Amino acid sequence: MLDLWPSCKLISWEIDVILVDVPRDFFGLPKLEAPTTHGGVLQVCIGDALEPSASIDGGFAGIVINLFANGEILPQLQEPKTRLELKKKLKEGGRIMINCGGICVEKSDFLSEVDDGTWIWEDGGYAKEATLRAIAEVFPETLFRKMGSDNNNYMALTGPLLDLAAWAAVLPAKLQKGLTDWRSFYP
């Protein structure tokens, strides 16, 4: 992201330190964490993004949420109070993008790193619909988009539908693919 917008300030929270340590050790994360000459930076925080301390003065322009843990929607994100707290963390006009799951949701015993027969594969349609409905309770203007092929995830984006052509015009070509596929959750 910083190669496209070198002045962008990105703040990330991850509760599992191993998911930060591995990219730091093997995938060059420290290079992304170094400030650019234009003031952009990726700041990685270890902790719970749902805690009140996971905020910034003035609010976030955007929050990206991967709402699954062990193949299930995080219980906190099913609570209206949590969604209202997330909304308070946004600056005016800010949006939240949510991974709503895909056609198939994996549930694992989480102790096995390979499918040794203990994994359960479930229809992801329920998780997607439940997530979209829960988000739409707090953000009535919720958009959704199916990503790529039949097996890929659905994404949700809070806020009103944008002028998709104008949005595409300001993005680099590699980010324009599928942009016109966003639809209102409540047509």
Protein backbone atom coordinates (compact mmCIF):
# COMPACT_ATOMS: atom_id res chain seq x y z
CA MET A 1 0.00 0.00 0.00
CA LEU A 2 2.84 2.38 0.83
CA ASP A 3 4.30 1.90 -2.64
CA LEU A 4 1.03 3.27 -4.08
CA TRP A 5 0.43 5.96 -1.44
CA PRO A 6 3.80 6.72 0.22
CA SER A 7 2.28 9.27 2.63
CA CYS A 8 -0.36 6.84 3.95
CA LYS A 9 -0.27 6.06 7.67
CA LEU A 10 -1.46 2.51 8.33
CA ILE A 11 -2.03 1.16 11.82
CA SER A 12 -2.62 -2.54 12.31
CA TRP A 13 -3.61 -4.58 15.35
CA GLU A 14 -3.00 -8.30 15.64
CA ILE A 15 -3.78 -10.25 18.78
CA ASP A 16 -1.53 -13.20 17.90
CA VAL A 17 2.14 -12.21 18.13
CA ILE A 18 3.22 -15.19 15.99
CA LEU A 19 1.26 -13.74 13.06
CA VAL A 20 3.49 -10.67 13.30
CA ASP A 21 6.80 -12.34 14.17
CA VAL A 22 6.79 -14.65 11.14
CA PRO A 23 6.36 -11.83 8.59
CA ARG A 24 8.99 -9.81 10.45
CA ASP A 25 11.44 -12.70 10.27
CA PHE A 26 10.71 -14.05 6.78
CA PHE A 27 8.72 -11.61 4.63
CA GLY A 28 10.39 -8.23 5.08
CA LEU A 29 7.82 -6.62 7.40
CA PRO A 30 10.46 -4.37 9.05
CA LYS A 31 10.96 -2.61 5.71
CA LEU A 32 7.24 -1.73 5.65
CA GLU A 33 7.40 -0.57 9.27
CA ALA A 34 10.11 1.99 8.44
CA PRO A 35 8.72 5.47 7.64
CA THR A 36 8.84 6.50 3.98
CA THR A 37 10.42 9.76 2.85
CA HIS A 38 6.85 11.07 2.39
CA GLY A 39 5.84 10.32 5.99
CA GLY A 40 3.95 7.10 5.37
CA VAL A 41 4.37 4.19 7.73
CA LEU A 42 2.91 0.84 8.73
CA GLN A 43 2.61 0.60 12.50
CA VAL A 44 1.91 -2.92 13.77
CA CYS A 45 0.44 -3.13 17.27
CA ILE A 46 0.18 -6.36 19.22
CA GLY A 47 -3.09 -6.49 21.10
CA ASP A 48 -6.85 -6.70 20.85
CA ALA A 49 -8.21 -4.29 18.24
CA LEU A 50 -11.58 -4.34 20.00
CA GLU A 51 -10.15 -2.79 23.19
CA PRO A 52 -10.88 0.93 23.76
CA SER A 53 -7.13 1.68 23.67
CA ALA A 54 -7.00 0.58 20.01
CA SER A 55 -7.89 4.03 18.73
CA ILE A 56 -6.33 7.26 17.48
CA ASP A 57 -7.12 10.94 18.00
CA GLY A 58 -9.62 12.11 15.41
CA GLY A 59 -10.65 8.58 14.46
CA PHE A 60 -9.72 6.19 11.68
CA ALA A 61 -10.53 6.83 8.03
CA GLY A 62 -10.98 3.10 7.64
CA ILE A 63 -11.01 -0.11 9.63
CA VAL A 64 -10.49 -3.52 8.01
CA ILE A 65 -11.82 -6.52 9.92
CA ASN A 66 -11.17 -10.21 9.48
CA LEU A 67 -13.94 -11.41 11.75
CA PHE A 68 -13.14 -15.09 11.92
CA ALA A 69 -11.28 -17.15 14.50
CA ASN A 70 -11.15 -20.92 14.11
CA GLY A 71 -13.75 -20.75 11.34
CA GLU A 72 -16.34 -18.93 13.41
CA ILE A 73 -17.48 -15.33 13.64
CA LEU A 74 -15.89 -13.71 16.67
CA PRO A 75 -18.58 -13.60 19.38
CA GLN A 76 -17.77 -9.96 20.18
CA LEU A 77 -18.60 -8.91 16.61
CA GLN A 78 -22.05 -10.44 16.94
CA GLU A 79 -22.84 -8.00 19.75
CA PRO A 80 -24.44 -4.65 18.76
CA LYS A 81 -22.40 -2.90 21.48
CA THR A 82 -19.13 -3.91 19.78
CA ARG A 83 -20.30 -2.68 16.39
CA LEU A 84 -21.33 0.65 17.94
CA GLU A 85 -17.91 0.94 19.59
CA LEU A 86 -16.22 0.31 16.23
CA LYS A 87 -18.37 3.02 14.67
CA LYS A 88 -17.16 5.47 17.34
CA LYS A 89 -13.55 4.73 16.34
CA LEU A 90 -14.16 6.12 12.84
CA LYS A 91 -13.70 9.73 11.89
CA GLU A 92 -16.63 11.39 10.11
CA GLY A 93 -17.11 9.69 6.74
CA GLY A 94 -14.89 6.77 7.77
CA ARG A 95 -15.75 3.25 6.65
CA ILE A 96 -15.31 -0.31 7.81
CA MET A 97 -14.45 -3.17 5.45
CA ILE A 98 -15.27 -6.66 6.70
CA ASN A 99 -14.35 -10.15 5.52
CA CYS A 100 -17.74 -11.88 5.70
CA GLY A 101 -16.48 -15.36 4.86
CA GLY A 102 -16.95 -17.41 1.76
CA ILE A 103 -18.97 -20.18 0.22
CA CYS A 104 -17.23 -22.66 2.51
CA VAL A 105 -16.09 -21.90 6.06
CA GLU A 106 -13.47 -24.13 7.63
CA LYS A 107 -13.70 -25.06 11.26
CA SER A 108 -10.62 -26.67 12.67
CA ASP A 109 -9.55 -28.20 15.92
CA PHE A 110 -6.86 -25.47 15.49
CA LEU A 111 -4.19 -27.77 16.86
CA SER A 112 -3.50 -29.34 13.51
CA GLU A 113 -1.87 -27.29 10.79
CA VAL A 114 -2.92 -29.78 8.13
CA ASP A 115 -6.30 -31.29 7.41
CA ASP A 116 -5.87 -34.57 9.24
CA GLY A 117 -9.57 -35.39 9.15
CA THR A 118 -10.38 -33.29 12.22
CA TRP A 119 -11.44 -30.26 10.19
CA ILE A 120 -15.10 -29.64 9.48
CA TRP A 121 -16.19 -27.77 6.36
CA GLU A 122 -19.48 -25.90 6.58
CA ASP A 123 -21.66 -23.83 4.29
CA GLY A 124 -20.42 -20.25 4.64
CA GLY A 125 -23.68 -18.70 3.42
CA TYR A 126 -25.10 -18.45 6.92
CA ALA A 127 -22.00 -16.69 8.27
CA LYS A 128 -22.04 -14.23 5.37
CA GLU A 129 -25.73 -13.38 5.78
CA ALA A 130 -25.49 -13.14 9.58
CA THR A 131 -22.48 -10.83 9.30
CA LEU A 132 -24.10 -8.56 6.71
CA ARG A 133 -27.31 -8.28 8.73
CA ALA A 134 -25.41 -7.55 11.95
CA ILE A 135 -23.30 -4.84 10.31
CA ALA A 136 -26.35 -3.33 8.57
CA GLU A 137 -28.03 -2.87 11.98
CA VAL A 138 -25.43 -0.24 12.87
CA PHE A 139 -24.49 0.83 9.33
CA PRO A 140 -27.74 0.84 7.29
CA GLU A 141 -25.87 1.75 4.10
CA THR A 142 -23.82 -1.43 3.81
CA LEU A 143 -22.39 -2.65 0.51
CA PHE A 144 -21.21 -6.13 -0.31
CA ARG A 145 -19.09 -7.73 -2.99
CA LYS A 146 -18.21 -11.29 -3.90
CA MET A 147 -14.49 -11.61 -4.45
CA GLY A 148 -13.30 -13.54 -7.50
CA SER A 149 -14.29 -17.15 -8.13
CA ASP A 150 -17.12 -19.19 -6.63
CA ASN A 151 -15.00 -20.24 -3.65
CA ASN A 152 -13.79 -16.82 -2.60
CA ASN A 153 -14.95 -14.57 0.19
CA TYR A 154 -17.58 -11.89 0.38
CA MET A 155 -16.56 -8.45 1.56
CA ALA A 156 -18.72 -5.76 3.15
CA LEU A 157 -18.06 -2.03 3.14
CA THR A 158 -20.01 0.40 5.28
CA GLY A 159 -21.32 3.66 3.88
CA PRO A 160 -23.27 4.77 0.85
CA LEU A 161 -22.60 3.45 -2.64
CA LEU A 162 -19.92 5.55 -4.29
CA ASP A 163 -19.73 6.69 -7.87
CA LEU A 164 -17.88 3.54 -8.93
CA ALA A 165 -16.46 5.07 -12.11
CA ALA A 166 -15.03 8.02 -10.17
CA TRP A 167 -13.65 5.67 -7.51
CA ALA A 168 -11.97 3.51 -10.17
CA ALA A 169 -10.48 6.58 -11.85
CA VAL A 170 -8.41 7.49 -8.77
CA LEU A 171 -7.11 3.96 -8.12
CA PRO A 172 -4.11 2.29 -9.72
CA ALA A 173 -5.12 -0.18 -12.46
CA LYS A 174 -4.25 -3.23 -10.35
CA LEU A 175 -6.81 -2.16 -7.71
CA GLN A 176 -9.65 -1.48 -10.17
CA LYS A 177 -10.54 -5.12 -10.90
CA GLY A 178 -14.02 -5.97 -9.62
CA LEU A 179 -14.66 -2.45 -8.34
CA THR A 180 -17.97 -2.20 -10.18
CA ASP A 181 -19.21 -5.38 -8.45
CA TRP A 182 -20.09 -3.60 -5.19
CA ARG A 183 -23.84 -3.70 -4.46
CA SER A 184 -26.11 -2.44 -1.72
CA PHE A 185 -26.96 -5.13 0.82
CA TYR A 186 -30.54 -3.83 0.86
CA PRO A 187 -31.27 -3.15 -2.83
